[in-house]
Amino acid sequence: MFLEALLTIANGDVSLNATLAQRLRQKDVRAFERFYDRYSRIVYRLLLRIVQPAGTVEEVARDGFLQLWAQGR
């Protein structure tokens, strides 16, 4: 769910997004690193608008990415 929503929002290179999503579901660590590098700033900026205080934003973002890895969705 989170993965599909984020990839839809980013809507950059569709084939790269599809490949990343597939590799993440297969627990590919390099894919996760690439996904994190590509989308962590977007997630962080979005959360800054929603979550207060700012220190909590980092925790929420980290938990979201960890859930993504654990659940593979």
Protein backbone atom coordinates (compact mmCIF):
# COMPACT_ATOMS: atom_id res chain seq x y z
CA MET A 1 0.00 0.00 0.00
CA PHE A 2 2.61 2.54 1.10
CA LEU A 3 4.90 1.47 -1.70
CA GLU A 4 2.28 1.79 -4.42
CA ALA A 5 1.10 5.15 -3.09
CA LEU A 6 4.59 6.59 -2.95
CA LEU A 7 5.54 5.31 -6.37
CA THR A 8 2.33 6.77 -7.81
CA ILE A 9 3.01 10.16 -6.23
CA ALA A 10 6.60 10.23 -7.48
CA ASN A 11 5.46 9.24 -10.98
CA GLY A 12 8.94 9.59 -12.42
CA ASP A 13 10.42 6.79 -14.44
CA VAL A 14 7.57 4.28 -14.44
CA SER A 15 9.73 1.30 -15.44
CA LEU A 16 12.28 2.09 -12.70
CA ASN A 17 9.49 2.42 -10.14
CA ALA A 18 8.00 -0.93 -11.18
CA THR A 19 11.40 -2.59 -11.00
CA LEU A 20 12.10 -1.13 -7.57
CA ALA A 21 8.71 -2.26 -6.29
CA GLN A 22 9.27 -5.79 -7.55
CA ARG A 23 12.78 -5.97 -6.08
CA LEU A 24 11.59 -4.58 -2.74
CA ARG A 25 8.98 -7.33 -2.53
CA GLN A 26 11.83 -9.81 -3.03
CA LYS A 27 13.75 -8.24 -0.10
CA ASP A 28 16.56 -6.89 -2.30
CA VAL A 29 18.72 -4.75 0.00
CA ARG A 30 20.20 -2.69 -2.85
CA ALA A 31 16.69 -1.90 -4.08
CA PHE A 32 15.74 -0.73 -0.60
CA GLU A 33 18.82 1.50 -0.44
CA ARG A 34 18.02 2.98 -3.83
CA PHE A 35 14.36 3.44 -2.89
CA TYR A 36 15.35 5.16 0.35
CA ASP A 37 17.85 7.44 -1.41
CA ARG A 38 15.29 8.32 -4.05
CA TYR A 39 12.22 8.93 -1.86
CA SER A 40 13.30 9.70 1.71
CA ARG A 41 13.45 13.47 1.12
CA ILE A 42 9.98 13.47 -0.42
CA VAL A 43 8.58 11.52 2.53
CA TYR A 44 10.39 13.74 5.04
CA ARG A 45 9.09 16.98 3.49
CA LEU A 46 5.55 15.64 3.37
CA LEU A 47 5.71 14.55 7.00
CA LEU A 48 7.07 17.95 8.05
CA ARG A 49 3.74 19.42 6.95
CA ILE A 50 1.73 16.84 8.88
CA VAL A 51 3.68 15.85 12.00
CA GLN A 52 4.92 18.07 14.81
CA PRO A 53 7.46 18.42 16.38
CA ALA A 54 10.14 18.07 13.70
CA GLY A 55 12.08 15.48 15.76
CA THR A 56 9.08 13.19 15.52
CA VAL A 57 9.15 13.44 11.72
CA GLU A 58 12.43 11.54 11.52
CA GLU A 59 11.04 8.78 13.73
CA VAL A 60 7.82 8.50 11.71
CA ALA A 61 9.74 8.42 8.42
CA ARG A 62 12.16 5.78 9.72
CA ASP A 63 9.30 3.64 11.02
CA GLY A 64 7.51 3.90 7.67
CA PHE A 65 10.56 2.75 5.72
CA LEU A 66 11.20 -0.07 8.21
CA GLN A 67 7.59 -1.22 7.86
CA LEU A 68 7.95 -1.14 4.10
CA TRP A 69 10.99 -3.39 4.35
CA ALA A 70 9.37 -5.75 6.86
CA GLN A 71 6.08 -6.10 5.00
CA GLY A 72 7.37 -5.81 1.46
CA ARG A 73 4.35 -3.84 0.21
